[in-house]
Amino acid sequence: MLVNYGLIVRMKLIVGLGNPGLKYEGTRHNIGFMALDHLRERIKFSDFRNESKFKSEISRGEFNGEKVILIKPQTFMNLSGDGVLLVKQFYKIDSKDIWVAYDDVDLNLGVLRIRFEGSAGTHNGMKSLIQCLGTEFFTRFRLGIETRGESSPIHQDVASFVLERFKNEELPQVNELLSTFSEAAVLALKKGGEAAQNMFSH
């Protein structure tokens, strides 16, 4: 929520998880950043700008009559919650109005799942978010990245796998997933998360 001249204005905080720096661009672990870049272009928000006081790159705008903040934390994955908490506290945003897009190694590449609560699993960024926010009740857009056993050896460990760049033959599926995420996020902004879950989350 944002209090402005005595009025309470609803706001959405949409977070993409990833690691900052050229070294990590295009890696599986950074598909959350990629998803927010895609959404920003889709809803025609301003370019992301680094805002050190929030430890994040931020884009702001209004969509469907609601203020929306897009953020990409710049603290590295295992400290993702730090920047999110700073933005949440500054704008007094309710946890139920926080949406998070992140890579999920438990889902096959191209699969989108939308959930409204749950544990972090093995994802360090989500662990940091839950710890900093003090709740598991916020919306997750889980972006499937798993391909081991298809284009990679099944025995490859998770830590090295998620820091790999997507292979050229995977890029069509990646692009389709990013488009699906943007469509789902737009529908959620217009009609609510349950509508997006019913249409896009299988």
N, C-alpha and C. Protein backbone atom coordinates (compact mmCIF):
# COMPACT_ATOMS: atom_id res chain seq x y z
N MET A 1 0.84 -1.20 0.00
CA MET A 1 0.00 0.00 0.00
C MET A 1 0.88 1.25 0.00
N LEU A 2 0.40 2.32 -0.63
CA LEU A 2 1.07 3.61 -0.61
C LEU A 2 0.09 4.63 -0.06
N VAL A 3 0.47 5.32 1.01
CA VAL A 3 -0.37 6.36 1.58
C VAL A 3 0.00 7.69 0.93
N ASN A 4 -0.94 8.35 0.32
CA ASN A 4 -0.69 9.59 -0.41
C ASN A 4 -1.79 10.58 -0.13
N TYR A 5 -1.46 11.65 0.65
CA TYR A 5 -2.43 12.67 1.00
C TYR A 5 -3.69 12.07 1.61
N GLY A 6 -3.50 11.12 2.49
CA GLY A 6 -4.62 10.54 3.19
C GLY A 6 -5.32 9.42 2.44
N LEU A 7 -4.95 9.18 1.19
CA LEU A 7 -5.56 8.12 0.40
C LEU A 7 -4.66 6.89 0.40
N ILE A 8 -5.27 5.73 0.42
CA ILE A 8 -4.51 4.49 0.35
C ILE A 8 -4.55 4.00 -1.09
N VAL A 9 -3.36 3.88 -1.69
CA VAL A 9 -3.25 3.48 -3.09
C VAL A 9 -2.66 2.08 -3.16
N ARG A 10 -3.34 1.19 -3.85
CA ARG A 10 -2.81 -0.16 -4.00
C ARG A 10 -1.61 -0.15 -4.93
N MET A 11 -0.61 -0.96 -4.60
CA MET A 11 0.59 -1.08 -5.43
C MET A 11 0.94 -2.55 -5.57
N LYS A 12 1.53 -2.89 -6.70
CA LYS A 12 2.10 -4.21 -6.88
C LYS A 12 3.62 -4.08 -6.96
N LEU A 13 4.31 -4.98 -6.31
CA LEU A 13 5.76 -5.07 -6.39
C LEU A 13 6.09 -6.39 -7.08
N ILE A 14 6.62 -6.31 -8.29
CA ILE A 14 6.95 -7.51 -9.06
C ILE A 14 8.46 -7.65 -9.10
N VAL A 15 8.93 -8.78 -8.61
CA VAL A 15 10.36 -9.03 -8.41
C VAL A 15 10.84 -10.11 -9.38
N GLY A 16 11.98 -9.88 -9.99
CA GLY A 16 12.65 -10.93 -10.76
C GLY A 16 13.95 -11.28 -10.06
N LEU A 17 14.21 -12.55 -9.87
CA LEU A 17 15.42 -12.97 -9.17
C LEU A 17 16.53 -13.34 -10.15
N GLY A 18 17.76 -13.00 -9.78
CA GLY A 18 18.92 -13.31 -10.60
C GLY A 18 20.19 -12.81 -9.93
N ASN A 19 21.30 -12.92 -10.63
CA ASN A 19 22.58 -12.41 -10.16
C ASN A 19 23.01 -11.26 -11.05
N PRO A 20 23.56 -10.18 -10.48
CA PRO A 20 24.00 -9.04 -11.28
C PRO A 20 25.32 -9.31 -11.99
N GLY A 21 25.54 -8.58 -13.08
CA GLY A 21 26.83 -8.64 -13.77
C GLY A 21 26.78 -9.43 -15.06
N LEU A 22 27.68 -9.06 -15.97
CA LEU A 22 27.74 -9.69 -17.29
C LEU A 22 28.00 -11.19 -17.20
N LYS A 23 28.73 -11.60 -16.18
CA LYS A 23 29.09 -13.01 -16.02
C LYS A 23 27.86 -13.90 -15.97
N TYR A 24 26.76 -13.37 -15.45
CA TYR A 24 25.58 -14.20 -15.22
C TYR A 24 24.45 -13.96 -16.22
N GLU A 25 24.65 -13.03 -17.15
CA GLU A 25 23.60 -12.76 -18.13
C GLU A 25 23.32 -14.01 -18.98
N GLY A 26 22.05 -14.29 -19.17
CA GLY A 26 21.67 -15.41 -20.00
C GLY A 26 21.76 -16.77 -19.35
N THR A 27 22.07 -16.82 -18.05
CA THR A 27 22.13 -18.11 -17.36
C THR A 27 20.74 -18.52 -16.89
N ARG A 28 20.60 -19.79 -16.62
CA ARG A 28 19.31 -20.31 -16.18
C ARG A 28 18.85 -19.64 -14.89
N HIS A 29 19.78 -19.38 -13.99
CA HIS A 29 19.46 -18.77 -12.70
C HIS A 29 18.94 -17.34 -12.87
N ASN A 30 19.17 -16.75 -14.03
CA ASN A 30 18.77 -15.35 -14.25
C ASN A 30 17.51 -15.20 -15.07
N ILE A 31 16.74 -16.27 -15.23
CA ILE A 31 15.54 -16.14 -16.03
C ILE A 31 14.52 -15.22 -15.37
N GLY A 32 14.63 -15.03 -14.05
CA GLY A 32 13.76 -14.06 -13.37
C GLY A 32 14.03 -12.65 -13.85
N PHE A 33 15.32 -12.29 -14.02
CA PHE A 33 15.68 -10.99 -14.59
C PHE A 33 15.15 -10.87 -16.02
N MET A 34 15.33 -11.94 -16.80
CA MET A 34 14.89 -11.94 -18.19
C MET A 34 13.37 -11.76 -18.27
N ALA A 35 12.66 -12.39 -17.35
CA ALA A 35 11.20 -12.29 -17.33
C ALA A 35 10.75 -10.85 -17.07
N LEU A 36 11.44 -10.16 -16.14
CA LEU A 36 11.04 -8.78 -15.86
C LEU A 36 11.40 -7.85 -17.01
N ASP A 37 12.52 -8.10 -17.69
CA ASP A 37 12.84 -7.31 -18.87
C ASP A 37 11.74 -7.46 -19.92
N HIS A 38 11.27 -8.68 -20.10
CA HIS A 38 10.22 -8.95 -21.08
C HIS A 38 8.92 -8.26 -20.68
N LEU A 39 8.57 -8.34 -19.41
CA LEU A 39 7.34 -7.71 -18.93
C LEU A 39 7.43 -6.19 -19.05
N ARG A 40 8.58 -5.62 -18.71
CA ARG A 40 8.74 -4.17 -18.80
C ARG A 40 8.47 -3.68 -20.22
N GLU A 41 9.01 -4.40 -21.20
CA GLU A 41 8.77 -4.02 -22.59
C GLU A 41 7.29 -4.20 -22.95
N ARG A 42 6.69 -5.25 -22.45
CA ARG A 42 5.28 -5.55 -22.77
C ARG A 42 4.35 -4.45 -22.26
N ILE A 43 4.60 -3.95 -21.05
CA ILE A 43 3.69 -2.95 -20.48
C ILE A 43 4.24 -1.53 -20.63
N LYS A 44 5.36 -1.43 -21.37
CA LYS A 44 5.91 -0.12 -21.77
C LYS A 44 6.25 0.77 -20.58
N PHE A 45 6.94 0.19 -19.60
CA PHE A 45 7.44 0.96 -18.47
C PHE A 45 8.80 1.55 -18.82
N SER A 46 9.27 2.46 -17.97
CA SER A 46 10.58 3.09 -18.17
C SER A 46 11.69 2.06 -18.03
N ASP A 47 12.87 2.39 -18.57
CA ASP A 47 14.03 1.50 -18.46
C ASP A 47 14.39 1.29 -16.99
N PHE A 48 14.96 0.13 -16.70
CA PHE A 48 15.45 -0.12 -15.35
C PHE A 48 16.61 0.83 -15.04
N ARG A 49 16.61 1.36 -13.82
CA ARG A 49 17.69 2.22 -13.34
C ARG A 49 18.16 1.70 -12.00
N ASN A 50 19.48 1.72 -11.81
CA ASN A 50 20.02 1.27 -10.53
C ASN A 50 19.72 2.30 -9.44
N GLU A 51 19.15 1.84 -8.35
CA GLU A 51 18.85 2.70 -7.20
C GLU A 51 19.51 2.08 -5.97
N SER A 52 20.64 2.63 -5.60
CA SER A 52 21.47 2.00 -4.57
C SER A 52 20.76 1.93 -3.22
N LYS A 53 19.89 2.90 -2.93
CA LYS A 53 19.23 2.87 -1.61
C LYS A 53 18.30 1.67 -1.48
N PHE A 54 17.89 1.11 -2.61
CA PHE A 54 17.05 -0.09 -2.60
C PHE A 54 17.83 -1.35 -3.01
N LYS A 55 19.13 -1.20 -3.28
CA LYS A 55 19.98 -2.32 -3.67
C LYS A 55 19.40 -3.07 -4.86
N SER A 56 18.80 -2.33 -5.79
CA SER A 56 18.06 -2.95 -6.89
C SER A 56 18.05 -2.06 -8.13
N GLU A 57 17.80 -2.68 -9.27
CA GLU A 57 17.42 -1.95 -10.46
C GLU A 57 15.89 -1.89 -10.48
N ILE A 58 15.36 -0.70 -10.78
CA ILE A 58 13.92 -0.47 -10.61
C ILE A 58 13.32 0.20 -11.83
N SER A 59 12.10 -0.21 -12.15
CA SER A 59 11.28 0.45 -13.17
C SER A 59 9.91 0.66 -12.56
N ARG A 60 9.35 1.86 -12.73
CA ARG A 60 8.04 2.18 -12.14
C ARG A 60 7.06 2.60 -13.23
N GLY A 61 5.80 2.40 -12.94
CA GLY A 61 4.77 2.85 -13.87
C GLY A 61 3.40 2.59 -13.30
N GLU A 62 2.40 2.74 -14.16
CA GLU A 62 1.03 2.48 -13.77
C GLU A 62 0.40 1.60 -14.83
N PHE A 63 -0.34 0.60 -14.39
CA PHE A 63 -0.97 -0.32 -15.34
C PHE A 63 -2.37 -0.65 -14.83
N ASN A 64 -3.34 -0.47 -15.71
CA ASN A 64 -4.74 -0.77 -15.36
C ASN A 64 -5.17 -0.02 -14.10
N GLY A 65 -4.69 1.22 -13.97
CA GLY A 65 -5.08 2.07 -12.85
C GLY A 65 -4.38 1.77 -11.55
N GLU A 66 -3.36 0.93 -11.59
CA GLU A 66 -2.65 0.55 -10.37
C GLU A 66 -1.16 0.86 -10.51
N LYS A 67 -0.56 1.38 -9.47
CA LYS A 67 0.87 1.62 -9.47
C LYS A 67 1.61 0.28 -9.37
N VAL A 68 2.66 0.15 -10.18
CA VAL A 68 3.42 -1.09 -10.22
C VAL A 68 4.91 -0.76 -10.18
N ILE A 69 5.66 -1.49 -9.37
CA ILE A 69 7.10 -1.35 -9.30
C ILE A 69 7.73 -2.68 -9.71
N LEU A 70 8.62 -2.64 -10.69
CA LEU A 70 9.39 -3.81 -11.10
C LEU A 70 10.78 -3.69 -10.51
N ILE A 71 11.29 -4.75 -9.87
CA ILE A 71 12.64 -4.65 -9.33
C ILE A 71 13.45 -5.91 -9.61
N LYS A 72 14.74 -5.67 -9.85
CA LYS A 72 15.72 -6.74 -10.00
C LYS A 72 16.78 -6.51 -8.92
N PRO A 73 16.72 -7.26 -7.81
CA PRO A 73 17.72 -7.07 -6.73
C PRO A 73 19.14 -7.26 -7.26
N GLN A 74 20.04 -6.42 -6.79
CA GLN A 74 21.43 -6.44 -7.25
C GLN A 74 22.39 -6.92 -6.17
N THR A 75 21.88 -7.74 -5.26
CA THR A 75 22.64 -8.18 -4.09
C THR A 75 23.21 -9.59 -4.22
N PHE A 76 23.07 -10.20 -5.39
CA PHE A 76 23.33 -11.62 -5.61
C PHE A 76 22.22 -12.45 -4.97
N MET A 77 22.04 -13.63 -5.53
CA MET A 77 20.84 -14.42 -5.28
C MET A 77 20.57 -14.68 -3.80
N ASN A 78 21.60 -15.06 -3.04
CA ASN A 78 21.34 -15.49 -1.67
C ASN A 78 21.01 -14.33 -0.72
N LEU A 79 21.06 -13.09 -1.23
CA LEU A 79 20.66 -11.93 -0.42
C LEU A 79 19.53 -11.16 -1.10
N SER A 80 18.79 -11.82 -1.97
CA SER A 80 17.74 -11.15 -2.74
C SER A 80 16.71 -10.44 -1.87
N GLY A 81 16.43 -10.99 -0.71
CA GLY A 81 15.40 -10.42 0.16
C GLY A 81 15.74 -9.05 0.69
N ASP A 82 17.03 -8.71 0.74
CA ASP A 82 17.43 -7.41 1.31
C ASP A 82 16.80 -6.25 0.55
N GLY A 83 16.97 -6.24 -0.77
CA GLY A 83 16.43 -5.16 -1.57
C GLY A 83 14.92 -5.16 -1.61
N VAL A 84 14.33 -6.34 -1.68
CA VAL A 84 12.87 -6.45 -1.71
C VAL A 84 12.28 -5.87 -0.43
N LEU A 85 12.88 -6.18 0.70
CA LEU A 85 12.38 -5.67 1.98
C LEU A 85 12.48 -4.15 2.05
N LEU A 86 13.57 -3.58 1.53
CA LEU A 86 13.72 -2.13 1.54
C LEU A 86 12.60 -1.45 0.75
N VAL A 87 12.29 -1.99 -0.42
CA VAL A 87 11.20 -1.43 -1.24
C VAL A 87 9.85 -1.63 -0.55
N LYS A 88 9.63 -2.80 -0.02
CA LYS A 88 8.37 -3.10 0.68
C LYS A 88 8.13 -2.14 1.82
N GLN A 89 9.16 -1.93 2.63
CA GLN A 89 9.00 -1.05 3.79
C GLN A 89 8.82 0.41 3.39
N PHE A 90 9.57 0.85 2.39
CA PHE A 90 9.50 2.25 1.96
C PHE A 90 8.11 2.60 1.43
N TYR A 91 7.54 1.70 0.63
CA TYR A 91 6.24 1.98 0.02
C TYR A 91 5.07 1.36 0.78
N LYS A 92 5.37 0.69 1.90
CA LYS A 92 4.34 0.07 2.73
C LYS A 92 3.47 -0.88 1.92
N ILE A 93 4.13 -1.77 1.20
CA ILE A 93 3.44 -2.72 0.35
C ILE A 93 3.13 -4.00 1.13
N ASP A 94 1.91 -4.46 1.02
CA ASP A 94 1.50 -5.69 1.69
C ASP A 94 2.17 -6.89 1.00
N SER A 95 2.54 -7.89 1.77
CA SER A 95 3.20 -9.07 1.19
C SER A 95 2.35 -9.75 0.13
N LYS A 96 1.03 -9.69 0.27
CA LYS A 96 0.17 -10.34 -0.72
C LYS A 96 0.20 -9.61 -2.06
N ASP A 97 0.77 -8.39 -2.09
CA ASP A 97 0.91 -7.64 -3.33
C ASP A 97 2.32 -7.75 -3.91
N ILE A 98 3.09 -8.71 -3.41
CA ILE A 98 4.43 -8.98 -3.94
C ILE A 98 4.38 -10.24 -4.80
N TRP A 99 4.86 -10.10 -6.04
CA TRP A 99 4.95 -11.22 -6.96
C TRP A 99 6.42 -11.47 -7.28
N VAL A 100 6.81 -12.73 -7.36
CA VAL A 100 8.21 -13.06 -7.60
C VAL A 100 8.33 -14.04 -8.76
N ALA A 101 9.16 -13.69 -9.75
CA ALA A 101 9.45 -14.57 -10.88
C ALA A 101 10.85 -15.14 -10.69
N TYR A 102 10.98 -16.47 -10.76
CA TYR A 102 12.29 -17.08 -10.51
C TYR A 102 12.39 -18.44 -11.20
N ASP A 103 13.65 -18.89 -11.37
CA ASP A 103 13.93 -20.17 -12.00
C ASP A 103 13.59 -21.32 -11.07
N ASP A 104 13.02 -22.37 -11.65
CA ASP A 104 12.67 -23.55 -10.86
C ASP A 104 13.23 -24.80 -11.54
N VAL A 105 14.19 -25.42 -10.89
CA VAL A 105 14.85 -26.60 -11.45
C VAL A 105 13.99 -27.86 -11.29
N ASP A 106 12.89 -27.74 -10.57
CA ASP A 106 11.98 -28.88 -10.41
C ASP A 106 10.92 -28.93 -11.51
N LEU A 107 10.93 -27.94 -12.42
CA LEU A 107 9.99 -27.90 -13.53
C LEU A 107 10.74 -27.97 -14.85
N ASN A 108 10.20 -28.69 -15.80
CA ASN A 108 10.82 -28.79 -17.11
C ASN A 108 10.87 -27.44 -17.80
N LEU A 109 11.86 -27.26 -18.64
CA LEU A 109 12.01 -26.01 -19.38
C LEU A 109 10.72 -25.66 -20.12
N GLY A 110 10.27 -24.42 -19.93
CA GLY A 110 9.08 -23.94 -20.62
C GLY A 110 7.81 -23.99 -19.80
N VAL A 111 7.85 -24.67 -18.65
CA VAL A 111 6.66 -24.81 -17.81
C VAL A 111 6.54 -23.62 -16.87
N LEU A 112 5.32 -23.07 -16.75
CA LEU A 112 5.04 -22.00 -15.80
C LEU A 112 4.08 -22.51 -14.74
N ARG A 113 4.40 -22.26 -13.49
CA ARG A 113 3.49 -22.56 -12.38
C ARG A 113 3.29 -21.29 -11.56
N ILE A 114 2.06 -21.01 -11.22
CA ILE A 114 1.75 -19.86 -10.38
C ILE A 114 1.21 -20.38 -9.05
N ARG A 115 1.84 -19.97 -7.96
CA ARG A 115 1.44 -20.39 -6.63
C ARG A 115 1.40 -19.17 -5.70
N PHE A 116 0.61 -19.27 -4.64
CA PHE A 116 0.39 -18.11 -3.77
C PHE A 116 1.00 -18.30 -2.38
N GLU A 117 1.65 -19.42 -2.17
CA GLU A 117 2.33 -19.68 -0.90
C GLU A 117 3.22 -20.89 -1.07
N GLY A 118 4.00 -21.22 -0.04
CA GLY A 118 4.81 -22.43 -0.08
C GLY A 118 6.22 -22.17 0.39
N SER A 119 6.97 -23.26 0.49
CA SER A 119 8.35 -23.18 0.97
C SER A 119 9.27 -22.72 -0.15
N ALA A 120 10.52 -22.47 0.19
CA ALA A 120 11.52 -22.03 -0.78
C ALA A 120 12.11 -23.18 -1.56
N GLY A 121 11.92 -24.40 -1.07
CA GLY A 121 12.60 -25.54 -1.69
C GLY A 121 14.10 -25.37 -1.56
N THR A 122 14.83 -25.59 -2.64
CA THR A 122 16.29 -25.47 -2.61
C THR A 122 16.77 -24.12 -3.14
N HIS A 123 15.85 -23.22 -3.45
CA HIS A 123 16.22 -21.96 -4.10
C HIS A 123 16.67 -20.92 -3.08
N ASN A 124 17.96 -20.51 -3.16
CA ASN A 124 18.52 -19.60 -2.16
C ASN A 124 17.89 -18.21 -2.21
N GLY A 125 17.51 -17.76 -3.39
CA GLY A 125 16.85 -16.46 -3.49
C GLY A 125 15.51 -16.46 -2.77
N MET A 126 14.76 -17.54 -2.94
CA MET A 126 13.47 -17.64 -2.26
C MET A 126 13.65 -17.80 -0.75
N LYS A 127 14.69 -18.52 -0.35
CA LYS A 127 14.98 -18.63 1.09
C LYS A 127 15.21 -17.26 1.69
N SER A 128 15.99 -16.42 0.98
CA SER A 128 16.27 -15.07 1.47
C SER A 128 15.00 -14.23 1.53
N LEU A 129 14.15 -14.34 0.52
CA LEU A 129 12.91 -13.58 0.51
C LEU A 129 12.01 -13.95 1.69
N ILE A 130 11.82 -15.25 1.89
CA ILE A 130 10.95 -15.70 2.98
C ILE A 130 11.50 -15.25 4.33
N GLN A 131 12.82 -15.34 4.48
CA GLN A 131 13.43 -14.92 5.74
C GLN A 131 13.24 -13.42 5.97
N CYS A 132 13.48 -12.60 4.94
CA CYS A 132 13.39 -11.15 5.10
C CYS A 132 11.96 -10.67 5.25
N LEU A 133 11.04 -11.27 4.50
CA LEU A 133 9.64 -10.84 4.55
C LEU A 133 8.91 -11.43 5.76
N GLY A 134 9.43 -12.53 6.29
CA GLY A 134 8.80 -13.15 7.45
C GLY A 134 7.51 -13.87 7.12
N THR A 135 7.34 -14.25 5.85
CA THR A 135 6.11 -14.95 5.45
C THR A 135 6.38 -15.75 4.19
N GLU A 136 5.57 -16.80 3.99
CA GLU A 136 5.59 -17.58 2.75
C GLU A 136 4.41 -17.22 1.86
N PHE A 137 3.61 -16.25 2.31
CA PHE A 137 2.37 -15.92 1.59
C PHE A 137 2.59 -14.74 0.64
N PHE A 138 3.17 -15.04 -0.49
CA PHE A 138 3.28 -14.08 -1.59
C PHE A 138 3.28 -14.88 -2.88
N THR A 139 2.95 -14.23 -3.98
CA THR A 139 2.74 -14.93 -5.26
C THR A 139 4.04 -15.27 -5.93
N ARG A 140 4.13 -16.49 -6.45
CA ARG A 140 5.33 -16.95 -7.15
C ARG A 140 4.98 -17.32 -8.59
N PHE A 141 5.77 -16.85 -9.51
CA PHE A 141 5.73 -17.29 -10.90
C PHE A 141 6.97 -18.17 -11.09
N ARG A 142 6.77 -19.47 -11.04
CA ARG A 142 7.88 -20.43 -11.11
C ARG A 142 8.15 -20.76 -12.58
N LEU A 143 9.36 -20.48 -13.02
CA LEU A 143 9.73 -20.61 -14.43
C LEU A 143 10.62 -21.85 -14.60
N GLY A 144 10.11 -22.86 -15.28
CA GLY A 144 10.82 -24.11 -15.41
C GLY A 144 12.06 -24.02 -16.27
N ILE A 145 13.20 -24.54 -15.78
CA ILE A 145 14.48 -24.49 -16.51
C ILE A 145 15.12 -25.85 -16.67
N GLU A 146 14.50 -26.92 -16.18
CA GLU A 146 15.15 -28.23 -16.14
C GLU A 146 15.26 -28.88 -17.52
N THR A 147 16.48 -29.26 -17.90
CA THR A 147 16.67 -30.02 -19.14
C THR A 147 17.69 -31.15 -18.96
N ARG A 148 18.20 -31.34 -17.76
CA ARG A 148 19.18 -32.41 -17.55
C ARG A 148 18.53 -33.76 -17.89
N GLY A 149 19.28 -34.57 -18.59
CA GLY A 149 18.72 -35.83 -19.05
C GLY A 149 18.23 -35.72 -20.48
N GLU A 150 18.05 -34.48 -20.97
CA GLU A 150 17.69 -34.26 -22.36
C GLU A 150 18.90 -33.72 -23.10
N SER A 151 19.29 -32.46 -22.78
CA SER A 151 20.46 -31.89 -23.45
C SER A 151 21.68 -31.83 -22.53
N SER A 152 21.53 -32.25 -21.28
CA SER A 152 22.65 -32.26 -20.34
C SER A 152 22.64 -33.58 -19.57
N PRO A 153 23.79 -33.98 -19.06
CA PRO A 153 23.83 -35.24 -18.29
C PRO A 153 22.99 -35.14 -17.03
N ILE A 154 22.20 -36.17 -16.75
CA ILE A 154 21.30 -36.16 -15.60
C ILE A 154 22.06 -36.05 -14.28
N HIS A 155 23.34 -36.51 -14.26
CA HIS A 155 24.09 -36.50 -13.01
C HIS A 155 24.68 -35.12 -12.70
N GLN A 156 24.53 -34.16 -13.61
CA GLN A 156 25.11 -32.84 -13.38
C GLN A 156 24.48 -32.19 -12.14
N ASP A 157 25.29 -31.64 -11.24
CA ASP A 157 24.76 -31.07 -10.02
C ASP A 157 24.02 -29.77 -10.30
N VAL A 158 23.08 -29.46 -9.40
CA VAL A 158 22.20 -28.31 -9.59
C VAL A 158 22.98 -27.01 -9.63
N ALA A 159 23.95 -26.85 -8.74
CA ALA A 159 24.68 -25.58 -8.64
C ALA A 159 25.36 -25.20 -9.95
N SER A 160 25.98 -26.15 -10.60
CA SER A 160 26.64 -25.83 -11.87
C SER A 160 25.63 -25.69 -13.00
N PHE A 161 24.57 -26.47 -12.95
CA PHE A 161 23.56 -26.44 -14.00
C PHE A 161 22.88 -25.08 -14.09
N VAL A 162 22.47 -24.52 -12.95
CA VAL A 162 21.71 -23.26 -12.98
C VAL A 162 22.57 -22.07 -13.41
N LEU A 163 23.89 -22.21 -13.29
CA LEU A 163 24.78 -21.12 -13.70
C LEU A 163 25.25 -21.25 -15.15
N GLU A 164 24.75 -22.26 -15.85
CA GLU A 164 25.02 -22.39 -17.28
C GLU A 164 24.12 -21.44 -18.08
N ARG A 165 24.60 -21.04 -19.24
CA ARG A 165 23.74 -20.31 -20.17
C ARG A 165 22.84 -21.30 -20.91
N PHE A 166 21.69 -20.82 -21.32
CA PHE A 166 20.81 -21.66 -22.11
C PHE A 166 21.49 -22.00 -23.44
N LYS A 167 21.27 -23.21 -23.89
CA LYS A 167 21.82 -23.64 -25.17
C LYS A 167 20.98 -23.04 -26.32
N ASN A 168 21.61 -22.89 -27.47
CA ASN A 168 20.93 -22.27 -28.61
C ASN A 168 19.63 -22.99 -28.95
N GLU A 169 19.63 -24.32 -28.86
CA GLU A 169 18.44 -25.07 -29.21
C GLU A 169 17.32 -24.91 -28.18
N GLU A 170 17.66 -24.39 -27.00
CA GLU A 170 16.65 -24.18 -25.95
C GLU A 170 16.00 -22.80 -26.03
N LEU A 171 16.62 -21.89 -26.77
CA LEU A 171 16.16 -20.51 -26.77
C LEU A 171 14.72 -20.33 -27.25
N PRO A 172 14.24 -21.08 -28.25
CA PRO A 172 12.82 -20.93 -28.60
C PRO A 172 11.88 -21.23 -27.43
N GLN A 173 12.20 -22.27 -26.64
CA GLN A 173 11.38 -22.57 -25.48
C GLN A 173 11.50 -21.48 -24.41
N VAL A 174 12.70 -20.95 -24.25
CA VAL A 174 12.91 -19.87 -23.28
C VAL A 174 12.08 -18.66 -23.68
N ASN A 175 12.15 -18.28 -24.94
CA ASN A 175 11.40 -17.11 -25.41
C ASN A 175 9.90 -17.30 -25.27
N GLU A 176 9.44 -18.52 -25.53
CA GLU A 176 8.01 -18.82 -25.38
C GLU A 176 7.60 -18.71 -23.91
N LEU A 177 8.47 -19.20 -23.01
CA LEU A 177 8.18 -19.11 -21.58
C LEU A 177 8.12 -17.66 -21.12
N LEU A 178 9.04 -16.83 -21.60
CA LEU A 178 9.03 -15.41 -21.23
C LEU A 178 7.76 -14.73 -21.72
N SER A 179 7.32 -15.07 -22.92
CA SER A 179 6.07 -14.51 -23.45
C SER A 179 4.87 -14.96 -22.61
N THR A 180 4.87 -16.25 -22.24
CA THR A 180 3.78 -16.77 -21.42
C THR A 180 3.75 -16.09 -20.07
N PHE A 181 4.93 -15.89 -19.48
CA PHE A 181 4.98 -15.19 -18.19
C PHE A 181 4.40 -13.79 -18.32
N SER A 182 4.80 -13.05 -19.35
CA SER A 182 4.30 -11.68 -19.52
C SER A 182 2.79 -11.66 -19.69
N GLU A 183 2.27 -12.59 -20.48
CA GLU A 183 0.82 -12.66 -20.67
C GLU A 183 0.12 -12.97 -19.35
N ALA A 184 0.69 -13.89 -18.59
CA ALA A 184 0.10 -14.26 -17.31
C ALA A 184 0.14 -13.09 -16.32
N ALA A 185 1.28 -12.37 -16.29
CA ALA A 185 1.40 -11.24 -15.38
C ALA A 185 0.41 -10.13 -15.75
N VAL A 186 0.26 -9.88 -17.04
CA VAL A 186 -0.70 -8.85 -17.49
C VAL A 186 -2.12 -9.25 -17.10
N LEU A 187 -2.47 -10.51 -17.32
CA LEU A 187 -3.80 -10.96 -16.93
C LEU A 187 -4.00 -10.85 -15.42
N ALA A 188 -2.96 -11.19 -14.65
CA ALA A 188 -3.04 -11.09 -13.19
C ALA A 188 -3.24 -9.64 -12.75
N LEU A 189 -2.56 -8.71 -13.42
CA LEU A 189 -2.73 -7.30 -13.09
C LEU A 189 -4.14 -6.81 -13.41
N LYS A 190 -4.72 -7.39 -14.45
CA LYS A 190 -6.07 -6.96 -14.86
C LYS A 190 -7.17 -7.65 -14.05
N LYS A 191 -7.00 -8.96 -13.83
CA LYS A 191 -8.12 -9.73 -13.29
C LYS A 191 -7.77 -10.54 -12.04
N GLY A 192 -6.52 -10.45 -11.58
CA GLY A 192 -6.14 -11.15 -10.36
C GLY A 192 -5.34 -12.41 -10.62
N GLY A 193 -4.59 -12.81 -9.61
CA GLY A 193 -3.70 -13.95 -9.74
C GLY A 193 -4.40 -15.26 -10.01
N GLU A 194 -5.61 -15.44 -9.45
CA GLU A 194 -6.32 -16.70 -9.66
C GLU A 194 -6.69 -16.86 -11.13
N ALA A 195 -7.07 -15.77 -11.78
CA ALA A 195 -7.41 -15.85 -13.20
C ALA A 195 -6.20 -16.27 -14.03
N ALA A 196 -5.04 -15.70 -13.69
CA ALA A 196 -3.80 -16.07 -14.39
C ALA A 196 -3.43 -17.52 -14.12
N GLN A 197 -3.61 -17.95 -12.89
CA GLN A 197 -3.30 -19.34 -12.53
C GLN A 197 -4.19 -20.30 -13.32
N ASN A 198 -5.46 -19.99 -13.42
CA ASN A 198 -6.40 -20.87 -14.12
C ASN A 198 -6.09 -20.96 -15.61
N MET A 199 -5.62 -19.86 -16.20
CA MET A 199 -5.38 -19.85 -17.63
C MET A 199 -3.99 -20.38 -18.02
N PHE A 200 -2.97 -20.06 -17.21
CA PHE A 200 -1.60 -20.31 -17.66
C PHE A 200 -0.85 -21.36 -16.85
N SER A 201 -1.27 -21.68 -15.65
CA SER A 201 -0.50 -22.56 -14.78
C SER A 201 -1.09 -23.96 -14.83
N HIS A 202 -0.38 -24.89 -15.48
CA HIS A 202 -0.92 -26.23 -15.71
C HIS A 202 -0.24 -27.25 -14.82
